[in-house]
Amino acid sequence: MVGSTLWKNAVDEGKIKEDEYVVIAGGEYNLGWFTQKELISYCRLAQLSI
């Protein structure tokens, strides 16, 4: 979330830019282990299982 400690740390570390407000925490930004495509796929599977 913009303005959160996690967001500020990511900006300070150069992982995201200050004008990036919506970021999927994927490997492309070095914010997670999974790619954005994998995260979206897991989210879709989870929604189908409800």
C-alpha atoms as a PDB file:
ATOM      1  CA  MET A   1       0.000   0.000   0.000  1.00  0.00           C
ATOM      2  CA  VAL A   2       1.329   3.421  -0.901  1.00  0.00           C
ATOM      3  CA  GLY A   3       2.867   5.151   2.088  1.00  0.00           C
ATOM      4  CA  SER A   4       3.267   1.973   4.125  1.00  0.00           C
ATOM      5  CA  THR A   5       6.610   1.032   5.611  1.00  0.00           C
ATOM      6  CA  LEU A   6       6.891  -1.856   3.158  1.00  0.00           C
ATOM      7  CA  TRP A   7       6.222   0.479   0.195  1.00  0.00           C
ATOM      8  CA  LYS A   8       8.724   3.077   1.472  1.00  0.00           C
ATOM      9  CA  ASN A   9      11.400   0.411   1.924  1.00  0.00           C
ATOM     10  CA  ALA A  10      10.848  -0.868  -1.623  1.00  0.00           C
ATOM     11  CA  VAL A  11      11.184   2.688  -2.977  1.00  0.00           C
ATOM     12  CA  ASP A  12      14.309   3.346  -0.895  1.00  0.00           C
ATOM     13  CA  GLU A  13      15.871   0.096  -2.132  1.00  0.00           C
ATOM     14  CA  GLY A  14      15.071   1.008  -5.748  1.00  0.00           C
ATOM     15  CA  LYS A  15      12.744  -1.960  -6.242  1.00  0.00           C
ATOM     16  CA  ILE A  16       9.825   0.273  -7.242  1.00  0.00           C
ATOM     17  CA  LYS A  17       9.432   3.914  -8.213  1.00  0.00           C
ATOM     18  CA  GLU A  18       7.626   6.547  -6.173  1.00  0.00           C
ATOM     19  CA  ASP A  19       4.939   6.833  -8.837  1.00  0.00           C
ATOM     20  CA  GLU A  20       4.138   3.106  -8.776  1.00  0.00           C
ATOM     21  CA  TYR A  21       1.015   2.736  -6.692  1.00  0.00           C
ATOM     22  CA  VAL A  22      -0.150  -0.729  -7.684  1.00  0.00           C
ATOM     23  CA  VAL A  23       2.583  -3.349  -7.808  1.00  0.00           C
ATOM     24  CA  ILE A  24       2.232  -7.104  -7.822  1.00  0.00           C
ATOM     25  CA  ALA A  25       4.900  -8.404  -5.461  1.00  0.00           C
ATOM     26  CA  GLY A  26       6.498 -10.698  -8.006  1.00  0.00           C
ATOM     27  CA  GLY A  27      10.020 -11.697  -8.797  1.00  0.00           C
ATOM     28  CA  GLU A  28      10.249  -9.054 -11.501  1.00  0.00           C
ATOM     29  CA  TYR A  29      10.601  -6.439  -8.759  1.00  0.00           C
ATOM     30  CA  ASN A  30      12.619  -8.702  -6.428  1.00  0.00           C
ATOM     31  CA  LEU A  31       9.675  -8.529  -4.035  1.00  0.00           C
ATOM     32  CA  GLY A  32       8.789 -12.216  -4.038  1.00  0.00           C
ATOM     33  CA  TRP A  33       9.666 -15.688  -5.224  1.00  0.00           C
ATOM     34  CA  PHE A  34       6.977 -16.064  -7.867  1.00  0.00           C
ATOM     35  CA  THR A  35       6.509 -14.223 -11.142  1.00  0.00           C
ATOM     36  CA  GLN A  36       3.503 -11.976 -11.651  1.00  0.00           C
ATOM     37  CA  LYS A  37       2.057 -14.551 -14.026  1.00  0.00           C
ATOM     38  CA  GLU A  38       2.377 -17.301 -11.401  1.00  0.00           C
ATOM     39  CA  LEU A  39       0.801 -15.137  -8.683  1.00  0.00           C
ATOM     40  CA  ILE A  40      -2.155 -14.261 -10.907  1.00  0.00           C
ATOM     41  CA  SER A  41      -2.575 -17.923 -11.803  1.00  0.00           C
ATOM     42  CA  TYR A  42      -2.606 -18.970  -8.114  1.00  0.00           C
ATOM     43  CA  CYS A  43      -5.152 -16.237  -7.331  1.00  0.00           C
ATOM     44  CA  ARG A  44      -7.428 -17.431 -10.130  1.00  0.00           C
ATOM     45  CA  LEU A  45      -7.195 -21.029  -8.902  1.00  0.00           C
ATOM     46  CA  ALA A  46      -8.027 -19.910  -5.375  1.00  0.00           C
ATOM     47  CA  GLN A  47     -11.091 -18.003  -6.597  1.00  0.00           C
ATOM     48  CA  LEU A  48     -12.331 -21.052  -8.479  1.00  0.00           C
ATOM     49  CA  SER A  49     -12.058 -23.214  -5.372  1.00  0.00           C
ATOM     50  CA  ILE A  50     -14.442 -21.034  -3.326  1.00  0.00           C
END
